[in-house]
């Protein structure tokens, strides 16, 4: 089973011509074209909805301080203060 050759396409066209008639074929083609156009616009709208840049509504992860050279124990740099619990939180 391969693709349709020119002979098969002519047979299909003649069958359509006999079934629908010469006057109805342009109407059918117009309707098919409108349907394809509407389908393309609908798929474009849906893809645009998914691609909307809503960065103003996003929550950014917390920023981390840039990594610096490791500190040696007992160096003169102060370590960051640790969180102390207040007595009322127990």
PDB file of N, CA and C in Angstrom:
ATOM      1  N   UNK A   1       0.840  -1.176   0.000  1.00  0.00           N
ATOM      2  CA  UNK A   1       0.000   0.000   0.000  1.00  0.00           C
ATOM      3  C   UNK A   1       0.883   1.237   0.000  1.00  0.00           C
ATOM      4  N   UNK A   2       0.836   1.953  -1.075  1.00  0.00           N
ATOM      5  CA  UNK A   2       1.640   3.160  -1.195  1.00  0.00           C
ATOM      6  C   UNK A   2       0.764   4.385  -1.277  1.00  0.00           C
ATOM      7  N   UNK A   3       1.355   5.439  -1.758  1.00  0.00           N
ATOM      8  CA  UNK A   3       0.603   6.677  -1.901  1.00  0.00           C
ATOM      9  C   UNK A   3      -0.283   6.608  -3.150  1.00  0.00           C
ATOM     10  N   UNK A   4      -1.181   7.549  -3.270  1.00  0.00           N
ATOM     11  CA  UNK A   4      -2.087   7.584  -4.419  1.00  0.00           C
ATOM     12  C   UNK A   4      -1.354   8.081  -5.663  1.00  0.00           C
ATOM     13  N   UNK A   5      -1.537   7.392  -6.737  1.00  0.00           N
ATOM     14  CA  UNK A   5      -0.938   7.793  -8.006  1.00  0.00           C
ATOM     15  C   UNK A   5      -1.880   8.694  -8.771  1.00  0.00           C
ATOM     16  N   UNK A   6      -1.468   9.165  -9.922  1.00  0.00           N
ATOM     17  CA  UNK A   6      -2.310  10.069 -10.698  1.00  0.00           C
ATOM     18  C   UNK A   6      -3.604   9.410 -11.185  1.00  0.00           C
ATOM     19  N   UNK A   7      -3.540   8.123 -11.512  1.00  0.00           N
ATOM     20  CA  UNK A   7      -4.748   7.426 -11.972  1.00  0.00           C
ATOM     21  C   UNK A   7      -5.801   7.343 -10.855  1.00  0.00           C
ATOM     22  N   UNK A   8      -5.363   7.039  -9.640  1.00  0.00           N
ATOM     23  CA  UNK A   8      -6.297   6.960  -8.514  1.00  0.00           C
ATOM     24  C   UNK A   8      -6.913   8.324  -8.215  1.00  0.00           C
ATOM     25  N   UNK A   9      -6.116   9.382  -8.306  1.00  0.00           N
ATOM     26  CA  UNK A   9      -6.637  10.729  -8.052  1.00  0.00           C
ATOM     27  C   UNK A   9      -7.695  11.121  -9.076  1.00  0.00           C
ATOM     28  N   UNK A  10      -7.482  10.769 -10.343  1.00  0.00           N
ATOM     29  CA  UNK A  10      -8.466  11.069 -11.382  1.00  0.00           C
ATOM     30  C   UNK A  10      -9.756  10.304 -11.112  1.00  0.00           C
ATOM     31  N   UNK A  11      -9.650   9.036 -10.725  1.00  0.00           N
ATOM     32  CA  UNK A  11     -10.846   8.249 -10.401  1.00  0.00           C
ATOM     33  C   UNK A  11     -11.618   8.846  -9.232  1.00  0.00           C
ATOM     34  N   UNK A  12     -10.919   9.285  -8.210  1.00  0.00           N
ATOM     35  CA  UNK A  12     -11.579   9.897  -7.047  1.00  0.00           C
ATOM     36  C   UNK A  12     -12.277  11.187  -7.470  1.00  0.00           C
ATOM     37  N   UNK A  13     -11.611  12.021  -8.264  1.00  0.00           N
ATOM     38  CA  UNK A  13     -12.214  13.272  -8.727  1.00  0.00           C
ATOM     39  C   UNK A  13     -13.463  13.003  -9.570  1.00  0.00           C
ATOM     40  N   UNK A  14     -13.408  12.013 -10.461  1.00  0.00           N
ATOM     41  CA  UNK A  14     -14.575  11.686 -11.286  1.00  0.00           C
ATOM     42  C   UNK A  14     -15.734  11.161 -10.434  1.00  0.00           C
ATOM     43  N   UNK A  15     -15.439  10.376  -9.411  1.00  0.00           N
ATOM     44  CA  UNK A  15     -16.485   9.868  -8.533  1.00  0.00           C
ATOM     45  C   UNK A  15     -17.156  11.020  -7.789  1.00  0.00           C
ATOM     46  N   UNK A  16     -16.362  11.961  -7.304  1.00  0.00           N
ATOM     47  CA  UNK A  16     -16.919  13.130  -6.608  1.00  0.00           C
ATOM     48  C   UNK A  16     -17.761  13.958  -7.580  1.00  0.00           C
ATOM     49  N   UNK A  17     -17.277  14.114  -8.801  1.00  0.00           N
ATOM     50  CA  UNK A  17     -18.012  14.869  -9.815  1.00  0.00           C
ATOM     51  C   UNK A  17     -19.351  14.214 -10.120  1.00  0.00           C
ATOM     52  N   UNK A  18     -19.379  12.897 -10.210  1.00  0.00           N
ATOM     53  CA  UNK A  18     -20.637  12.190 -10.482  1.00  0.00           C
ATOM     54  C   UNK A  18     -21.595  12.241  -9.301  1.00  0.00           C
ATOM     55  N   UNK A  19     -21.064  12.147  -8.096  1.00  0.00           N
ATOM     56  CA  UNK A  19     -21.926  12.119  -6.903  1.00  0.00           C
ATOM     57  C   UNK A  19     -22.534  13.501  -6.639  1.00  0.00           C
ATOM     58  N   UNK A  20     -21.707  14.533  -6.636  1.00  0.00           N
ATOM     59  CA  UNK A  20     -22.181  15.860  -6.234  1.00  0.00           C
ATOM     60  C   UNK A  20     -22.590  16.742  -7.404  1.00  0.00           C
ATOM     61  N   UNK A  21     -22.044  16.536  -8.560  1.00  0.00           N
ATOM     62  CA  UNK A  21     -22.370  17.384  -9.703  1.00  0.00           C
ATOM     63  C   UNK A  21     -21.421  18.560  -9.789  1.00  0.00           C
ATOM     64  N   UNK A  22     -21.352  19.144 -10.991  1.00  0.00           N
ATOM     65  CA  UNK A  22     -20.399  20.231 -11.238  1.00  0.00           C
ATOM     66  C   UNK A  22     -20.759  21.515 -10.500  1.00  0.00           C
ATOM     67  N   UNK A  23     -22.042  21.739 -10.228  1.00  0.00           N
ATOM     68  CA  UNK A  23     -22.445  22.981  -9.563  1.00  0.00           C
ATOM     69  C   UNK A  23     -22.153  22.960  -8.065  1.00  0.00           C
ATOM     70  N   UNK A  24     -22.168  21.798  -7.444  1.00  0.00           N
ATOM     71  CA  UNK A  24     -21.976  21.711  -5.999  1.00  0.00           C
ATOM     72  C   UNK A  24     -20.506  21.673  -5.591  1.00  0.00           C
ATOM     73  N   UNK A  25     -19.607  21.291  -6.479  1.00  0.00           N
ATOM     74  CA  UNK A  25     -18.191  21.157  -6.112  1.00  0.00           C
ATOM     75  C   UNK A  25     -17.589  22.490  -5.657  1.00  0.00           C
ATOM     76  N   UNK A  26     -17.820  23.632  -6.333  1.00  0.00           N
ATOM     77  CA  UNK A  26     -17.265  24.900  -5.814  1.00  0.00           C
ATOM     78  C   UNK A  26     -17.817  25.269  -4.436  1.00  0.00           C
ATOM     79  N   UNK A  27     -19.096  24.976  -4.193  1.00  0.00           N
ATOM     80  CA  UNK A  27     -19.681  25.257  -2.876  1.00  0.00           C
ATOM     81  C   UNK A  27     -19.020  24.402  -1.802  1.00  0.00           C
ATOM     82  N   UNK A  28     -18.800  23.143  -2.123  1.00  0.00           N
ATOM     83  CA  UNK A  28     -18.151  22.246  -1.166  1.00  0.00           C
ATOM     84  C   UNK A  28     -16.719  22.709  -0.890  1.00  0.00           C
ATOM     85  N   UNK A  29     -16.002  23.100  -1.938  1.00  0.00           N
ATOM     86  CA  UNK A  29     -14.621  23.577  -1.779  1.00  0.00           C
ATOM     87  C   UNK A  29     -14.574  24.852  -0.939  1.00  0.00           C
ATOM     88  N   UNK A  30     -15.538  25.770  -1.161  1.00  0.00           N
ATOM     89  CA  UNK A  30     -15.605  26.999  -0.369  1.00  0.00           C
ATOM     90  C   UNK A  30     -15.848  26.688   1.106  1.00  0.00           C
ATOM     91  N   UNK A  31     -16.794  25.801   1.351  1.00  0.00           N
ATOM     92  CA  UNK A  31     -17.086  25.418   2.735  1.00  0.00           C
ATOM     93  C   UNK A  31     -15.903  24.744   3.407  1.00  0.00           C
ATOM     94  N   UNK A  32     -15.209  23.905   2.649  1.00  0.00           N
ATOM     95  CA  UNK A  32     -14.026  23.238   3.194  1.00  0.00           C
ATOM     96  C   UNK A  32     -12.935  24.267   3.502  1.00  0.00           C
ATOM     97  N   UNK A  33     -12.752  25.241   2.622  1.00  0.00           N
ATOM     98  CA  UNK A  33     -11.756  26.289   2.852  1.00  0.00           C
ATOM     99  C   UNK A  33     -12.070  27.125   4.078  1.00  0.00           C
ATOM    100  N   UNK A  34     -13.348  27.472   4.250  1.00  0.00           N
ATOM    101  CA  UNK A  34     -13.745  28.240   5.439  1.00  0.00           C
ATOM    102  C   UNK A  34     -13.517  27.431   6.707  1.00  0.00           C
ATOM    103  N   UNK A  35     -13.831  26.156   6.645  1.00  0.00           N
ATOM    104  CA  UNK A  35     -13.632  25.295   7.813  1.00  0.00           C
ATOM    105  C   UNK A  35     -12.163  25.195   8.196  1.00  0.00           C
ATOM    106  N   UNK A  36     -11.305  25.053   7.199  1.00  0.00           N
ATOM    107  CA  UNK A  36      -9.866  24.978   7.471  1.00  0.00           C
ATOM    108  C   UNK A  36      -9.366  26.301   8.041  1.00  0.00           C
ATOM    109  N   UNK A  37      -9.866  27.421   7.508  1.00  0.00           N
ATOM    110  CA  UNK A  37      -9.454  28.739   7.996  1.00  0.00           C
ATOM    111  C   UNK A  37      -9.867  28.933   9.460  1.00  0.00           C
ATOM    112  N   UNK A  38     -11.091  28.548   9.807  1.00  0.00           N
ATOM    113  CA  UNK A  38     -11.559  28.659  11.183  1.00  0.00           C
ATOM    114  C   UNK A  38     -10.762  27.753  12.108  1.00  0.00           C
ATOM    115  N   UNK A  39     -10.446  26.551  11.641  1.00  0.00           N
ATOM    116  CA  UNK A  39      -9.663  25.620  12.447  1.00  0.00           C
ATOM    117  C   UNK A  39      -8.282  26.190  12.738  1.00  0.00           C
ATOM    118  N   UNK A  40      -7.626  26.766  11.724  1.00  0.00           N
ATOM    119  CA  UNK A  40      -6.302  27.347  11.917  1.00  0.00           C
ATOM    120  C   UNK A  40      -6.340  28.518  12.890  1.00  0.00           C
ATOM    121  N   UNK A  41      -7.362  29.378  12.771  1.00  0.00           N
ATOM    122  CA  UNK A  41      -7.439  30.526  13.681  1.00  0.00           C
ATOM    123  C   UNK A  41      -7.717  30.074  15.112  1.00  0.00           C
ATOM    124  N   UNK A  42      -8.524  29.029  15.272  1.00  0.00           N
ATOM    125  CA  UNK A  42      -8.797  28.520  16.619  1.00  0.00           C
ATOM    126  C   UNK A  42      -7.546  27.915  17.236  1.00  0.00           C
ATOM    127  N   UNK A  43      -6.782  27.154  16.463  1.00  0.00           N
ATOM    128  CA  UNK A  43      -5.555  26.576  17.006  1.00  0.00           C
ATOM    129  C   UNK A  43      -4.534  27.662  17.308  1.00  0.00           C
ATOM    130  N   UNK A  44      -4.501  28.722  16.503  1.00  0.00           N
ATOM    131  CA  UNK A  44      -3.585  29.838  16.762  1.00  0.00           C
ATOM    132  C   UNK A  44      -3.965  30.544  18.061  1.00  0.00           C
ATOM    133  N   UNK A  45      -5.266  30.748  18.301  1.00  0.00           N
ATOM    134  CA  UNK A  45      -5.712  31.396  19.536  1.00  0.00           C
ATOM    135  C   UNK A  45      -5.363  30.550  20.749  1.00  0.00           C
ATOM    136  N   UNK A  46      -5.559  29.253  20.642  1.00  0.00           N
ATOM    137  CA  UNK A  46      -5.254  28.367  21.769  1.00  0.00           C
ATOM    138  C   UNK A  46      -3.758  28.371  22.055  1.00  0.00           C
ATOM    139  N   UNK A  47      -2.938  28.309  21.020  1.00  0.00           N
ATOM    140  CA  UNK A  47      -1.488  28.325  21.250  1.00  0.00           C
ATOM    141  C   UNK A  47      -1.048  29.672  21.811  1.00  0.00           C
ATOM    142  N   UNK A  48      -1.699  30.761  21.422  1.00  0.00           N
ATOM    143  CA  UNK A  48      -1.363  32.070  21.994  1.00  0.00           C
ATOM    144  C   UNK A  48      -1.716  32.137  23.469  1.00  0.00           C
ATOM    145  N   UNK A  49      -2.799  31.486  23.873  1.00  0.00           N
ATOM    146  CA  UNK A  49      -3.171  31.470  25.286  1.00  0.00           C
ATOM    147  C   UNK A  49      -2.127  30.738  26.113  1.00  0.00           C
ATOM    148  N   UNK A  50      -1.545  29.675  25.554  1.00  0.00           N
ATOM    149  CA  UNK A  50      -0.530  28.935  26.292  1.00  0.00           C
ATOM    150  C   UNK A  50       0.805  29.663  26.304  1.00  0.00           C
ATOM    151  N   UNK A  51       1.058  30.506  25.330  1.00  0.00           N
ATOM    152  CA  UNK A  51       2.339  31.198  25.224  1.00  0.00           C
ATOM    153  C   UNK A  51       2.310  32.600  25.804  1.00  0.00           C
ATOM    154  N   UNK A  52       1.258  32.983  26.505  1.00  0.00           N
ATOM    155  CA  UNK A  52       1.148  34.324  27.076  1.00  0.00           C
ATOM    156  C   UNK A  52       2.223  34.490  28.145  1.00  0.00           C
ATOM    157  N   UNK A  53       2.904  35.618  28.094  1.00  0.00           N
ATOM    158  CA  UNK A  53       3.940  35.896  29.087  1.00  0.00           C
ATOM    159  C   UNK A  53       3.285  36.553  30.292  1.00  0.00           C
ATOM    160  N   UNK A  54       3.041  35.765  31.312  1.00  0.00           N
ATOM    161  CA  UNK A  54       2.426  36.298  32.528  1.00  0.00           C
ATOM    162  C   UNK A  54       3.460  36.351  33.634  1.00  0.00           C
ATOM    163  N   UNK A  55       4.633  36.910  33.320  1.00  0.00           N
ATOM    164  CA  UNK A  55       5.710  36.974  34.296  1.00  0.00           C
ATOM    165  C   UNK A  55       5.352  37.872  35.481  1.00  0.00           C
ATOM    166  N   UNK A  56       4.411  38.796  35.301  1.00  0.00           N
ATOM    167  CA  UNK A  56       4.016  39.651  36.420  1.00  0.00           C
ATOM    168  C   UNK A  56       3.225  38.876  37.463  1.00  0.00           C
ATOM    169  N   UNK A  57       2.636  37.747  37.086  1.00  0.00           N
ATOM    170  CA  UNK A  57       1.863  36.944  38.024  1.00  0.00           C
ATOM    171  C   UNK A  57       2.659  35.788  38.601  1.00  0.00           C
ATOM    172  N   UNK A  58       3.882  35.626  38.199  1.00  0.00           N
ATOM    173  CA  UNK A  58       4.687  34.513  38.680  1.00  0.00           C
ATOM    174  C   UNK A  58       5.364  34.871  39.991  1.00  0.00           C
ATOM    175  N   UNK A  59       5.599  33.853  40.791  1.00  0.00           N
ATOM    176  CA  UNK A  59       6.329  34.023  42.042  1.00  0.00           C
ATOM    177  C   UNK A  59       7.752  33.573  41.784  1.00  0.00           C
ATOM    178  N   UNK A  60       8.697  34.479  41.964  1.00  0.00           N
ATOM    179  CA  UNK A  60      10.096  34.150  41.738  1.00  0.00           C
ATOM    180  C   UNK A  60      10.650  33.417  42.954  1.00  0.00           C
ATOM    181  N   UNK A  61      11.537  32.464  42.742  1.00  0.00           N
ATOM    182  CA  UNK A  61      12.158  31.784  43.875  1.00  0.00           C
ATOM    183  C   UNK A  61      13.054  32.750  44.625  1.00  0.00           C
ATOM    184  N   UNK A  62      13.322  32.485  45.887  1.00  0.00           N
ATOM    185  CA  UNK A  62      14.179  33.401  46.652  1.00  0.00           C
ATOM    186  C   UNK A  62      15.568  33.476  46.034  1.00  0.00           C
ATOM    187  N   UNK A  63      16.113  34.652  46.062  1.00  0.00           N
ATOM    188  CA  UNK A  63      17.444  34.857  45.487  1.00  0.00           C
ATOM    189  C   UNK A  63      18.494  34.448  46.497  1.00  0.00           C
ATOM    190  N   UNK A  64      19.519  33.785  46.011  1.00  0.00           N
ATOM    191  CA  UNK A  64      20.601  33.364  46.883  1.00  0.00           C
ATOM    192  C   UNK A  64      21.776  34.313  46.721  1.00  0.00           C
ATOM    193  N   UNK A  65      22.507  34.474  47.818  1.00  0.00           N
ATOM    194  CA  UNK A  65      23.683  35.333  47.769  1.00  0.00           C
ATOM    195  C   UNK A  65      24.725  34.669  46.887  1.00  0.00           C
ATOM    196  N   UNK A  66      25.530  35.458  46.190  1.00  0.00           N
ATOM    197  CA  UNK A  66      26.576  34.859  45.360  1.00  0.00           C
ATOM    198  C   UNK A  66      27.561  34.092  46.223  1.00  0.00           C
ATOM    199  N   UNK A  67      28.022  32.982  45.708  1.00  0.00           N
ATOM    200  CA  UNK A  67      28.950  32.140  46.464  1.00  0.00           C
ATOM    201  C   UNK A  67      30.318  32.802  46.493  1.00  0.00           C
ATOM    202  N   UNK A  68      30.888  32.855  47.693  1.00  0.00           N
ATOM    203  CA  UNK A  68      32.216  33.430  47.838  1.00  0.00           C
ATOM    204  C   UNK A  68      33.178  32.329  48.268  1.00  0.00           C
ATOM    205  N   UNK A  69      34.421  32.679  48.414  1.00  0.00           N
ATOM    206  CA  UNK A  69      35.429  31.703  48.825  1.00  0.00           C
ATOM    207  C   UNK A  69      35.078  31.182  50.210  1.00  0.00           C
ATOM    208  N   UNK A  70      35.345  29.910  50.484  1.00  0.00           N
ATOM    209  CA  UNK A  70      35.019  29.353  51.804  1.00  0.00           C
ATOM    210  C   UNK A  70      35.818  30.045  52.894  1.00  0.00           C
ATOM    211  N   UNK A  71      35.142  30.235  54.019  1.00  0.00           N
ATOM    212  CA  UNK A  71      35.786  30.909  55.140  1.00  0.00           C
ATOM    213  C   UNK A  71      36.516  29.894  56.008  1.00  0.00           C
ATOM    214  N   UNK A  72      37.621  30.337  56.563  1.00  0.00           N
ATOM    215  CA  UNK A  72      38.356  29.471  57.477  1.00  0.00           C
ATOM    216  C   UNK A  72      37.803  29.670  58.876  1.00  0.00           C
ATOM    217  N   UNK A  73      37.765  28.591  59.647  1.00  0.00           N
ATOM    218  CA  UNK A  73      37.276  28.753  61.022  1.00  0.00           C
ATOM    219  C   UNK A  73      38.190  29.703  61.789  1.00  0.00           C
ATOM    220  N   UNK A  74      37.582  30.568  62.564  1.00  0.00           N
ATOM    221  CA  UNK A  74      38.330  31.514  63.375  1.00  0.00           C
ATOM    222  C   UNK A  74      38.796  32.729  62.600  1.00  0.00           C
ATOM    223  N   UNK A  75      38.275  32.938  61.397  1.00  0.00           N
ATOM    224  CA  UNK A  75      38.681  34.110  60.627  1.00  0.00           C
ATOM    225  C   UNK A  75      38.012  35.346  61.202  1.00  0.00           C
ATOM    226  N   UNK A  76      38.416  36.503  60.749  1.00  0.00           N
ATOM    227  CA  UNK A  76      37.910  37.753  61.301  1.00  0.00           C
ATOM    228  C   UNK A  76      36.539  38.127  60.765  1.00  0.00           C
ATOM    229  N   UNK A  77      36.052  37.401  59.751  1.00  0.00           N
ATOM    230  CA  UNK A  77      34.743  37.720  59.201  1.00  0.00           C
ATOM    231  C   UNK A  77      33.655  37.258  60.168  1.00  0.00           C
ATOM    232  N   UNK A  78      32.609  38.060  60.274  1.00  0.00           N
ATOM    233  CA  UNK A  78      31.491  37.689  61.128  1.00  0.00           C
ATOM    234  C   UNK A  78      30.615  36.682  60.402  1.00  0.00           C
ATOM    235  N   UNK A  79      30.125  35.707  61.160  1.00  0.00           N
ATOM    236  CA  UNK A  79      29.194  34.772  60.572  1.00  0.00           C
ATOM    237  C   UNK A  79      27.813  35.391  60.616  1.00  0.00           C
ATOM    238  N   UNK A  80      26.939  34.940  59.739  1.00  0.00           N
ATOM    239  CA  UNK A  80      25.598  35.495  59.711  1.00  0.00           C
ATOM    240  C   UNK A  80      24.879  35.147  61.000  1.00  0.00           C
ATOM    241  N   UNK A  81      24.067  36.053  61.503  1.00  0.00           N
ATOM    242  CA  UNK A  81      23.368  35.797  62.775  1.00  0.00           C
ATOM    243  C   UNK A  81      22.387  34.641  62.608  1.00  0.00           C
ATOM    244  N   UNK A  82      22.281  33.857  63.652  1.00  0.00           N
ATOM    245  CA  UNK A  82      21.342  32.739  63.635  1.00  0.00           C
ATOM    246  C   UNK A  82      20.025  33.198  64.216  1.00  0.00           C
ATOM    247  N   UNK A  83      18.982  32.507  63.862  1.00  0.00           N
ATOM    248  CA  UNK A  83      17.638  32.854  64.328  1.00  0.00           C
ATOM    249  C   UNK A  83      17.481  32.394  65.763  1.00  0.00           C
ATOM    250  N   UNK A  84      17.045  33.301  66.601  1.00  0.00           N
ATOM    251  CA  UNK A  84      16.830  32.966  68.001  1.00  0.00           C
ATOM    252  C   UNK A  84      15.331  32.898  68.241  1.00  0.00           C
ATOM    253  N   UNK A  85      14.934  31.896  68.992  1.00  0.00           N
ATOM    254  CA  UNK A  85      13.514  31.755  69.299  1.00  0.00           C
ATOM    255  C   UNK A  85      13.178  32.595  70.513  1.00  0.00           C
ATOM    256  N   UNK A  86      12.039  33.206  70.466  1.00  0.00           N
ATOM    257  CA  UNK A  86      11.590  33.977  71.614  1.00  0.00           C
ATOM    258  C   UNK A  86      10.842  33.041  72.553  1.00  0.00           C
ATOM    259  N   UNK A  87      10.786  33.357  73.823  1.00  0.00           N
ATOM    260  CA  UNK A  87      10.123  32.473  74.799  1.00  0.00           C
ATOM    261  C   UNK A  87       8.618  32.327  74.518  1.00  0.00           C
ATOM    262  N   UNK A  88       8.005  33.269  73.818  1.00  0.00           N
ATOM    263  CA  UNK A  88       6.564  33.197  73.591  1.00  0.00           C
ATOM    264  C   UNK A  88       6.204  32.207  72.485  1.00  0.00           C
ATOM    265  N   UNK A  89       7.144  31.695  71.754  1.00  0.00           N
ATOM    266  CA  UNK A  89       6.858  30.793  70.643  1.00  0.00           C
ATOM    267  C   UNK A  89       6.769  29.337  71.066  1.00  0.00           C
ATOM    268  N   UNK A  90       7.050  28.996  72.301  1.00  0.00           N
ATOM    269  CA  UNK A  90       7.018  27.598  72.736  1.00  0.00           C
ATOM    270  C   UNK A  90       5.651  27.165  72.945  1.00  0.00           C
TER     271      UNK A  90
END
